[in-house]
Protein backbone atom coordinates (compact mmCIF):
# COMPACT_ATOMS: atom_id res chain seq x y z
CA MET A 1 11.43 -13.49 -19.53
CA GLN A 2 9.18 -17.09 -18.98
CA HIS A 3 8.98 -18.73 -22.14
CA TYR A 4 5.28 -17.55 -23.53
CA ARG A 5 4.06 -21.02 -24.35
CA SER A 6 4.75 -22.01 -20.56
CA LEU A 7 2.72 -18.37 -19.93
CA LYS A 8 -0.49 -19.21 -22.36
CA ASP A 9 -0.28 -23.25 -21.04
CA HIS A 10 -0.46 -21.66 -17.28
CA TYR A 11 -3.44 -19.04 -17.79
CA GLN A 12 -5.12 -21.85 -20.42
CA PHE A 13 -5.36 -19.54 -22.99
CA THR A 14 -6.79 -21.29 -25.70
CA ASP A 15 -6.55 -20.32 -29.79
CA GLU A 16 -10.34 -20.42 -29.59
CA GLU A 17 -9.60 -17.84 -27.15
CA ALA A 18 -7.80 -16.07 -28.94
CA GLN A 19 -10.12 -15.92 -32.14
CA ILE A 20 -13.00 -14.64 -29.70
CA LEU A 21 -10.72 -11.56 -28.52
CA LYS A 22 -10.13 -11.23 -32.45
CA GLU A 23 -13.63 -10.56 -33.42
CA LEU A 24 -13.95 -8.36 -30.83
CA GLN A 25 -11.03 -6.07 -31.68
CA PRO A 26 -13.69 -4.05 -34.23
CA ARG A 27 -16.03 -3.03 -31.35
CA MET A 28 -13.18 -1.87 -28.93
CA GLU A 29 -11.05 0.31 -31.83
CA LYS A 30 -13.87 2.07 -32.06
CA LEU A 31 -14.32 2.39 -28.13
CA ALA A 32 -10.69 3.62 -28.03
CA ASP A 33 -10.99 7.30 -28.16
CA GLU A 34 -13.45 6.62 -25.39
CA PHE A 35 -11.25 3.95 -23.38
CA ILE A 36 -8.58 6.94 -23.43
CA ASP A 37 -10.65 9.70 -22.29
CA GLY A 38 -11.37 7.27 -18.94
CA PHE A 39 -8.10 6.05 -18.64
CA TYR A 40 -6.70 9.43 -18.14
CA ASP A 41 -9.01 10.82 -15.69
CA TYR A 42 -8.70 7.41 -13.70
CA ILE A 43 -4.77 8.17 -13.18
CA TRP A 44 -4.58 11.58 -12.72
CA GLY A 45 -6.34 10.59 -9.73
CA PHE A 46 -3.53 8.79 -8.84
CA GLY A 47 -1.79 12.21 -7.55
CA LYS A 48 1.31 11.91 -8.88
CA THR A 49 0.69 10.53 -12.57
CA ALA A 50 2.16 14.16 -13.29
CA GLN A 51 5.80 13.20 -12.42
CA PHE A 52 5.74 10.78 -15.11
CA LEU A 53 3.85 12.85 -17.94
CA LYS A 54 6.15 16.15 -17.11
CA ASN A 55 4.40 18.20 -20.75
CA LYS A 56 1.65 18.08 -24.03
CA ASP A 57 4.58 16.38 -25.99
CA ILE A 58 5.20 13.47 -23.78
CA ILE A 59 1.17 13.12 -22.59
CA ALA A 60 0.66 12.91 -26.70
CA TYR A 61 3.26 10.09 -26.75
CA HIS A 62 1.58 8.20 -24.41
CA ARG A 63 -1.96 8.63 -25.37
CA LYS A 64 -0.95 7.42 -28.18
CA LYS A 65 1.02 3.85 -27.06
CA ILE A 66 -1.46 3.50 -24.77
CA LYS A 67 -4.29 3.84 -27.86
CA GLU A 68 -1.70 1.11 -29.30
CA TRP A 69 -1.75 -1.40 -26.31
CA PHE A 70 -5.12 -1.16 -26.16
CA ILE A 71 -6.10 -2.13 -29.30
CA ASN A 72 -3.71 -4.40 -29.40
CA LEU A 73 -4.84 -6.34 -26.75
CA PHE A 74 -7.57 -8.14 -29.18
CA CYS A 75 -4.97 -8.84 -32.15
CA GLY A 76 -6.17 -12.40 -31.73
CA GLN A 77 -2.07 -13.45 -32.44
CA TYR A 78 -0.47 -13.68 -28.70
CA ASP A 79 3.11 -14.73 -30.15
CA MET A 80 6.04 -14.37 -28.74
CA PRO A 81 6.65 -10.84 -30.58
CA TYR A 82 3.45 -9.65 -28.56
CA PHE A 83 4.71 -10.72 -24.96
CA MET A 84 8.15 -9.54 -25.86
CA TYR A 85 6.58 -5.85 -26.66
CA LEU A 86 4.83 -6.30 -23.78
CA TYR A 87 7.95 -6.77 -21.72
CA LYS A 88 9.58 -3.93 -22.99
CA ILE A 89 6.79 -2.09 -21.84
CA GLY A 90 7.67 -3.08 -18.44
CA GLU A 91 10.98 -1.91 -18.93
CA ILE A 92 10.42 1.55 -19.82
CA HIS A 93 7.99 1.82 -16.67
CA VAL A 94 11.02 0.07 -14.36
CA LYS A 95 13.54 2.51 -16.02
CA ILE A 96 11.21 5.92 -15.36
CA GLY A 97 10.57 4.42 -11.78
CA LEU A 98 6.73 4.25 -12.45
CA PRO A 99 5.50 2.28 -8.95
CA THR A 100 4.04 -1.17 -9.77
CA HIS A 101 1.24 -0.53 -7.59
CA TYR A 102 -0.04 2.26 -10.44
CA VAL A 103 0.64 -0.80 -13.16
CA ASN A 104 -1.49 -2.64 -11.64
CA SER A 105 -4.67 0.01 -10.25
CA ALA A 106 -4.48 1.13 -14.03
CA PHE A 107 -5.66 -2.88 -15.05
CA THR A 108 -8.93 -2.45 -12.79
CA TYR A 109 -10.06 0.59 -15.13
CA VAL A 110 -9.36 -1.73 -18.12
CA ARG A 111 -10.64 -4.71 -17.31
CA THR A 112 -13.87 -2.87 -16.20
CA PHE A 113 -14.37 -0.78 -19.04
CA ILE A 114 -13.49 -4.00 -21.38
CA LEU A 115 -16.09 -6.06 -19.03
CA ALA A 116 -18.73 -3.48 -19.24
CA SER A 117 -19.00 -2.65 -22.98
CA ILE A 118 -19.12 -6.99 -23.40
CA GLU A 119 -22.17 -6.27 -21.42
CA GLU A 120 -23.46 -3.73 -22.78
CA ASN A 121 -23.01 -5.73 -26.22
CA PHE A 122 -24.60 -8.88 -24.55
CA LYS A 123 -26.66 -11.59 -26.95
CA ASP A 124 -26.04 -15.18 -26.32
CA LYS A 125 -25.76 -16.30 -23.20
CA GLN A 126 -22.61 -19.30 -23.59
CA TYR A 127 -20.19 -17.15 -25.76
CA HIS A 128 -20.81 -14.52 -23.40
CA VAL A 129 -19.31 -16.22 -20.61
CA GLN A 130 -16.18 -17.24 -23.38
CA GLU A 131 -16.11 -13.72 -24.40
CA ILE A 132 -15.67 -12.89 -20.11
CA LYS A 133 -13.23 -15.78 -19.77
CA ALA A 134 -10.76 -14.68 -22.79
CA VAL A 135 -10.87 -10.86 -21.95
CA GLU A 136 -9.90 -12.39 -18.06
CA LYS A 137 -6.75 -14.07 -19.35
CA ILE A 138 -5.50 -11.64 -21.92
CA ILE A 139 -5.66 -9.24 -19.10
CA ASP A 140 -3.98 -10.86 -16.53
CA MET A 141 -1.22 -12.08 -18.86
CA ASN A 142 -0.31 -8.43 -19.65
CA LEU A 143 -0.66 -7.60 -16.25
CA ASP A 144 1.40 -10.83 -15.38
CA ILE A 145 4.50 -9.67 -18.27
CA LEU A 146 4.49 -5.73 -17.25
CA THR A 147 5.10 -6.81 -13.45
CA SER A 148 8.15 -9.57 -14.05
CA SER A 149 10.45 -6.54 -15.36
CA TYR A 150 9.96 -5.45 -11.81
CA ARG A 151 10.59 -8.66 -9.99
CA GLU A 152 13.60 -9.40 -12.58
CA GLU A 153 15.09 -5.73 -11.61
CA GLU A 154 15.19 -7.05 -8.31
CA LEU A 155 16.41 -10.02 -8.79
CA GLY A 156 18.70 -8.72 -10.80
CA LYS A 157 19.75 -6.46 -8.06
CA PHE A 158 20.55 -9.26 -5.62
CA LEU A 159 22.35 -12.08 -7.67
CA SER A 160 24.87 -9.08 -8.74
CA LEU A 161 25.76 -8.94 -5.39
CA SER A 162 28.90 -11.39 -3.93
CA LYS A 163 28.59 -14.04 -1.70
CA ILE A 164 29.84 -12.06 1.28
CA GLU A 165 27.10 -8.92 0.51
CA LYS A 166 24.19 -11.70 0.38
CA ASN A 167 24.97 -13.25 3.23
CA ILE A 168 25.49 -10.22 5.58
CA LEU A 169 21.81 -8.61 3.79
CA SER A 170 20.46 -12.60 4.60
CA GLY A 171 21.66 -12.33 8.38
CA LEU A 172 20.73 -8.75 9.07
CA LYS A 173 17.70 -9.41 7.29
CA ASN A 174 17.41 -11.96 9.95
CA PHE A 175 18.46 -10.00 12.44
CA ASN A 176 15.82 -7.46 12.32
CA SER A 177 13.05 -10.14 12.27
CA TYR A 178 14.43 -11.10 15.46
CA ILE A 179 14.76 -7.26 16.55
CA ASN A 180 10.75 -6.93 15.88
CA TYR A 181 9.59 -10.46 17.67
CA PHE A 182 11.67 -8.99 20.51
CA LEU A 183 9.89 -5.26 20.07
CA ALA A 184 6.35 -6.82 20.14
CA GLY A 185 6.87 -8.89 23.22
CA ALA A 186 8.37 -5.67 24.92
CA LEU A 187 5.32 -4.13 24.14
CA ALA A 188 3.20 -6.58 25.76
CA LEU A 189 5.10 -6.33 28.60
CA VAL A 190 4.36 -3.02 28.42
CA ALA A 191 0.85 -3.04 27.84
CA PHE A 192 0.89 -5.74 31.26
CA PHE A 193 2.76 -3.11 33.37
CA ALA A 194 -0.36 -0.37 31.95
CA ILE A 195 -2.89 -2.27 32.98
CA GLY A 196 -0.89 -3.03 36.78
CA LEU A 197 -0.86 0.72 36.91
CA PHE A 198 -4.44 0.89 35.65
CA VAL A 199 -5.55 -1.34 38.41
CA TYR A 200 -2.88 0.42 41.03
CA ASP A 201 -4.70 3.84 41.02
CA ILE A 202 -8.37 2.48 41.05
CA TYR A 203 -7.07 1.02 44.33
CA LEU A 204 -5.54 3.85 45.61
CA LEU A 205 -8.89 5.59 44.32
CA PHE A 206 -11.16 3.67 46.51
CA PHE A 207 -9.27 2.56 50.24
CA THR A 208 -6.69 4.96 49.87
CA ASP A 209 -7.09 8.90 51.52
CA ILE A 210 -6.39 10.46 48.10
CA LYS A 211 -8.26 13.11 46.89
CA LEU A 212 -11.38 12.25 44.93
CA GLU A 213 -10.63 14.91 41.75
CA LYS A 214 -7.15 13.75 42.22
CA GLY A 215 -7.49 10.25 41.82
CA ILE A 216 -10.47 9.76 38.98
CA LEU A 217 -7.51 12.35 37.21
CA THR A 218 -5.22 10.08 37.83
CA VAL A 219 -7.17 6.54 36.55
CA LEU A 220 -7.73 8.70 33.84
CA GLY A 221 -4.41 9.22 33.01
CA SER A 222 -3.47 5.64 33.32
CA LEU A 223 -6.31 4.65 30.83
CA LEU A 224 -4.68 7.00 28.50
CA VAL A 225 -1.65 5.07 28.91
CA LEU A 226 -3.01 1.95 28.78
CA TRP A 227 -4.89 2.55 25.21
CA ALA A 228 -1.87 4.06 23.50
CA SER A 229 -0.34 1.20 24.63
CA ILE A 230 -2.95 -1.35 22.93
CA GLU A 231 -2.55 0.83 19.56
CA LEU A 232 0.97 0.51 19.55
CA ILE A 233 0.83 -3.28 19.66
CA HIS A 234 -1.82 -2.93 17.36
CA GLU A 235 0.51 -1.18 14.86
CA GLU A 236 3.45 -3.28 15.57
CA ILE A 237 1.12 -6.52 14.42
CA HIS A 238 0.77 -4.55 11.40
CA HIS A 239 4.67 -3.92 11.14
CA LEU A 240 5.53 -7.67 11.10
CA GLN A 241 2.64 -8.26 8.75
CA GLY A 242 5.02 -6.21 6.51
CA LYS A 243 3.42 -2.42 6.71
CA GLY A 244 5.29 0.54 7.19
CA PHE A 245 7.04 1.60 10.77
CA ALA A 246 4.64 2.90 13.06
CA ILE A 247 6.73 5.95 14.22
CA GLY A 248 3.44 7.79 15.06
CA ALA A 249 2.08 5.51 17.89
CA PHE A 250 5.08 5.67 19.83
CA ILE A 251 4.62 9.50 19.60
CA MET A 252 1.20 8.95 20.45
CA LEU A 253 2.16 7.12 23.39
CA ALA A 254 4.83 9.27 24.96
CA MET A 255 1.85 12.08 24.32
CA ALA A 256 -0.30 9.88 26.65
CA ALA A 257 2.16 9.44 29.09
CA LEU A 258 2.92 13.32 29.25
CA ILE A 259 -0.95 13.79 29.49
CA ARG A 260 -1.00 11.71 32.15
CA LYS A 261 1.31 14.09 33.91
CA ILE A 262 -0.70 16.88 33.31
CA LEU A 263 -3.67 15.52 34.83
CA ILE A 264 -1.74 14.58 37.81
CA TYR A 265 -0.21 17.67 38.45
CA SER A 266 -2.96 19.94 37.36
CA LEU A 267 -4.17 19.98 40.95
CA SER A 268 -0.98 21.42 42.61
CA ALA A 269 -0.16 25.09 42.46
CA GLU A 270 3.54 24.47 42.93
CA LYS A 271 3.89 22.29 39.65
CA GLY A 272 3.02 25.22 37.49
CA GLU A 273 6.87 25.50 35.85
CA GLU A 274 7.07 21.88 35.02
CA LEU A 275 3.44 21.74 33.72
CA LEU A 276 4.36 24.63 31.10
CA ILE A 277 7.94 22.70 29.91
CA ILE A 278 5.01 19.64 29.93
CA ALA A 279 2.69 21.67 27.80
CA ILE A 280 5.81 23.07 25.62
CA VAL A 281 6.84 18.97 25.13
CA ILE A 282 3.07 17.64 24.30
CA VAL A 283 2.80 20.97 21.44
CA GLY A 284 6.50 19.35 19.99
CA LEU A 285 4.84 16.25 20.04
CA ALA A 286 1.56 16.79 18.06
CA ILE A 287 3.67 18.55 15.27
CA SER A 288 5.71 15.51 14.87
CA TYR A 289 2.88 13.05 14.95
CA TRP A 290 0.90 15.98 12.46
CA LEU A 291 4.04 15.70 10.13
CA VAL A 292 4.35 11.73 10.31
CA GLY A 293 0.62 11.65 9.53
CA ALA A 294 0.82 14.06 6.66
CA LYS A 295 4.38 12.66 5.24
CA LYS A 296 2.08 8.86 5.18
CA ARG A 297 -1.23 10.58 3.45
CA THR A 298 1.16 11.95 0.92
CA THR A 299 3.10 8.71 0.37
CA ILE A 300 -0.60 6.80 -0.38
CA ASN A 301 -1.86 9.67 -2.47
């Protein structure tokens, strides 16, 4: 853990601001029960909170500790024991596997609740501004310490690897980056050919003796493939920016290609068996697409 004096210096946290927080403590102590009730309403909205608060005893203990932490936020004495206390809380979060996203999100409620209380008791403008600065800094320092446990856990895992393992891991990461860029280029090429296919179908519609109905359906099919290709490129860009792999977009592209075939074959009486097979495959892909989307929504919640 970084030295607490350096932490306070980085946030430019002063003794005067510590005193301001100390003066806020009596008011916040009166609001502690209201804070806890609202805090629990907020975190239950995460959807998976019950995985970490499994029974009444754990909930009661957790409520007690959160209340202590909230009141202690305004203790006015921010020394090594205070920050070690926060660091141990962070270690517990890492140990139970609590996602750091939950910690960051919960602090949104903490910040909003405290600032709203300060606003309701507004008297002197200059002092009000000082209160806001002090509260913002202590909240940010708390969040910094709590999440540092996650960073050190990840760093510790990396440092525990041997030199060969580190080299392999770094090499795989670089290789993965090159593959992703290659995939992005390949998708761009696919989109280019999809544009060519669309233009070619337009040409067949207007400059050959192809039936109008079949020509229109073919153009619509090509347009659908082009749209799916663009969506896939869009998802790949998100993936390169660090977001999840868009398997759903690949399924959508496959569905678009098969739907194009159905649009073309639907005008032929001799393609009934092939149409049935393609339709079954599309239904299977649609179910897979729904399952991927459902899993993604569950993960977000």
